Amino acid sequence: MFEYTKTVLNKVSFDTNLFCKEVQKALQRLLPYEIEELKLFIQNLITSNPDLKQCMVYLN
């Protein structure tokens, strides 16, 4: 499920609102250790698209 989530987030990273919605969905589906990995993955995405930083609110 984590790999699928990463794929979806990559595909929707062009739209901040859609990205945030997908992050919220992922938090409901993923296991706690996968959420930690997701945080790292999103931080890497933020380096290439700083607009996505607002979605980190959901991960805190």
N, C-alpha and C. Protein backbone atom coordinates (compact mmCIF):
# COMPACT_ATOMS: atom_id res chain seq x y z
N MET A 1 0.83 -1.19 0.00
CA MET A 1 0.00 0.00 0.00
C MET A 1 0.87 1.26 0.00
N PHE A 2 2.03 1.18 0.64
CA PHE A 2 2.91 2.35 0.70
C PHE A 2 3.43 2.72 -0.68
N GLU A 3 3.80 1.74 -1.47
CA GLU A 3 4.30 2.02 -2.83
C GLU A 3 3.20 2.66 -3.68
N TYR A 4 2.00 2.17 -3.54
CA TYR A 4 0.86 2.75 -4.26
C TYR A 4 0.67 4.22 -3.85
N THR A 5 0.75 4.48 -2.55
CA THR A 5 0.59 5.84 -2.05
C THR A 5 1.66 6.76 -2.62
N LYS A 6 2.89 6.29 -2.67
CA LYS A 6 3.97 7.11 -3.23
C LYS A 6 3.71 7.41 -4.71
N THR A 7 3.21 6.43 -5.44
CA THR A 7 2.90 6.63 -6.85
C THR A 7 1.82 7.70 -7.03
N VAL A 8 0.77 7.59 -6.24
CA VAL A 8 -0.33 8.56 -6.32
C VAL A 8 0.17 9.95 -5.97
N LEU A 9 0.94 10.06 -4.91
CA LEU A 9 1.43 11.38 -4.49
C LEU A 9 2.34 11.99 -5.55
N ASN A 10 3.14 11.17 -6.19
CA ASN A 10 3.98 11.69 -7.28
C ASN A 10 3.13 12.23 -8.41
N LYS A 11 2.05 11.53 -8.73
CA LYS A 11 1.21 11.93 -9.86
C LYS A 11 0.40 13.19 -9.58
N VAL A 12 0.06 13.42 -8.31
CA VAL A 12 -0.77 14.59 -7.99
C VAL A 12 0.05 15.74 -7.41
N SER A 13 1.35 15.63 -7.42
CA SER A 13 2.19 16.66 -6.80
C SER A 13 2.14 18.00 -7.54
N PHE A 14 1.53 18.04 -8.71
CA PHE A 14 1.38 19.29 -9.45
C PHE A 14 0.33 20.20 -8.84
N ASP A 15 -0.61 19.62 -8.06
CA ASP A 15 -1.72 20.38 -7.48
C ASP A 15 -1.67 20.25 -5.96
N THR A 16 -1.41 21.33 -5.28
CA THR A 16 -1.23 21.30 -3.83
C THR A 16 -2.48 20.81 -3.10
N ASN A 17 -3.66 21.27 -3.52
CA ASN A 17 -4.90 20.85 -2.84
C ASN A 17 -5.13 19.36 -2.98
N LEU A 18 -4.95 18.85 -4.17
CA LEU A 18 -5.12 17.42 -4.40
C LEU A 18 -4.08 16.62 -3.62
N PHE A 19 -2.87 17.11 -3.59
CA PHE A 19 -1.80 16.45 -2.86
C PHE A 19 -2.15 16.34 -1.37
N CYS A 20 -2.66 17.43 -0.80
CA CYS A 20 -3.03 17.42 0.62
C CYS A 20 -4.16 16.43 0.89
N LYS A 21 -5.11 16.34 0.00
CA LYS A 21 -6.20 15.38 0.18
C LYS A 21 -5.66 13.95 0.15
N GLU A 22 -4.73 13.68 -0.75
CA GLU A 22 -4.15 12.34 -0.84
C GLU A 22 -3.29 12.01 0.38
N VAL A 23 -2.64 13.02 0.93
CA VAL A 23 -1.87 12.81 2.17
C VAL A 23 -2.82 12.42 3.30
N GLN A 24 -3.94 13.10 3.39
CA GLN A 24 -4.93 12.77 4.43
C GLN A 24 -5.44 11.34 4.27
N LYS A 25 -5.73 10.93 3.05
CA LYS A 25 -6.18 9.56 2.80
C LYS A 25 -5.10 8.56 3.20
N ALA A 26 -3.86 8.88 2.86
CA ALA A 26 -2.75 7.99 3.16
C ALA A 26 -2.61 7.79 4.67
N LEU A 27 -2.82 8.84 5.43
CA LEU A 27 -2.70 8.74 6.88
C LEU A 27 -3.73 7.80 7.48
N GLN A 28 -4.86 7.65 6.82
CA GLN A 28 -5.90 6.73 7.30
C GLN A 28 -5.58 5.29 6.92
N ARG A 29 -4.86 5.08 5.82
CA ARG A 29 -4.60 3.74 5.30
C ARG A 29 -3.32 3.10 5.81
N LEU A 30 -2.30 3.92 6.03
CA LEU A 30 -0.97 3.38 6.28
C LEU A 30 -0.74 3.01 7.75
N LEU A 31 0.19 2.12 7.94
CA LEU A 31 0.61 1.72 9.29
C LEU A 31 1.55 2.78 9.86
N PRO A 32 1.70 2.81 11.17
CA PRO A 32 2.54 3.86 11.79
C PRO A 32 3.96 3.94 11.23
N TYR A 33 4.61 2.81 11.00
CA TYR A 33 5.98 2.89 10.48
C TYR A 33 5.99 3.37 9.03
N GLU A 34 4.92 3.11 8.29
CA GLU A 34 4.82 3.60 6.92
C GLU A 34 4.61 5.11 6.89
N ILE A 35 3.92 5.62 7.90
CA ILE A 35 3.70 7.07 7.99
C ILE A 35 5.04 7.78 8.20
N GLU A 36 5.91 7.18 8.98
CA GLU A 36 7.25 7.76 9.18
C GLU A 36 8.01 7.80 7.86
N GLU A 37 7.91 6.73 7.08
CA GLU A 37 8.55 6.69 5.77
C GLU A 37 7.91 7.72 4.83
N LEU A 38 6.60 7.89 4.95
CA LEU A 38 5.89 8.86 4.13
C LEU A 38 6.39 10.28 4.41
N LYS A 39 6.65 10.59 5.66
CA LYS A 39 7.18 11.91 6.02
C LYS A 39 8.49 12.17 5.28
N LEU A 40 9.37 11.19 5.28
CA LEU A 40 10.65 11.33 4.59
C LEU A 40 10.45 11.51 3.08
N PHE A 41 9.54 10.72 2.54
CA PHE A 41 9.25 10.80 1.11
C PHE A 41 8.72 12.19 0.74
N ILE A 42 7.81 12.72 1.53
CA ILE A 42 7.23 14.03 1.24
C ILE A 42 8.28 15.13 1.41
N GLN A 43 9.15 14.99 2.38
CA GLN A 43 10.21 15.99 2.54
C GLN A 43 11.10 16.03 1.30
N ASN A 44 11.35 14.88 0.70
CA ASN A 44 12.12 14.84 -0.54
C ASN A 44 11.35 15.51 -1.68
N LEU A 45 10.05 15.30 -1.73
CA LEU A 45 9.23 15.95 -2.77
C LEU A 45 9.22 17.47 -2.59
N ILE A 46 9.24 17.91 -1.37
CA ILE A 46 9.19 19.35 -1.08
C ILE A 46 10.42 20.05 -1.63
N THR A 47 11.54 19.36 -1.67
CA THR A 47 12.76 20.00 -2.19
C THR A 47 12.58 20.38 -3.65
N SER A 48 11.82 19.60 -4.40
CA SER A 48 11.60 19.93 -5.80
C SER A 48 10.35 20.79 -6.02
N ASN A 49 9.42 20.77 -5.07
CA ASN A 49 8.20 21.55 -5.19
C ASN A 49 7.85 22.16 -3.82
N PRO A 50 8.42 23.29 -3.47
CA PRO A 50 8.23 23.89 -2.14
C PRO A 50 6.78 24.21 -1.78
N ASP A 51 5.90 24.34 -2.77
CA ASP A 51 4.49 24.62 -2.48
C ASP A 51 3.83 23.51 -1.67
N LEU A 52 4.36 22.32 -1.75
CA LEU A 52 3.77 21.18 -1.05
C LEU A 52 4.01 21.21 0.45
N LYS A 53 4.84 22.12 0.89
CA LYS A 53 5.21 22.18 2.31
C LYS A 53 3.99 22.38 3.21
N GLN A 54 2.96 23.06 2.70
CA GLN A 54 1.77 23.29 3.53
C GLN A 54 1.08 21.98 3.92
N CYS A 55 1.30 20.91 3.20
CA CYS A 55 0.67 19.63 3.51
C CYS A 55 1.37 18.90 4.65
N MET A 56 2.52 19.38 5.05
CA MET A 56 3.22 18.76 6.19
C MET A 56 2.45 18.95 7.49
N VAL A 57 1.51 19.89 7.50
CA VAL A 57 0.68 20.12 8.68
C VAL A 57 -0.04 18.84 9.07
N TYR A 58 -0.48 18.06 8.12
CA TYR A 58 -1.22 16.84 8.39
C TYR A 58 -0.34 15.75 9.00
N LEU A 59 0.96 15.87 8.83
CA LEU A 59 1.87 14.83 9.29
C LEU A 59 2.42 15.10 10.68
N ASN A 60 2.06 16.21 11.29
CA ASN A 60 2.58 16.53 12.62
C ASN A 60 1.60 16.16 13.71
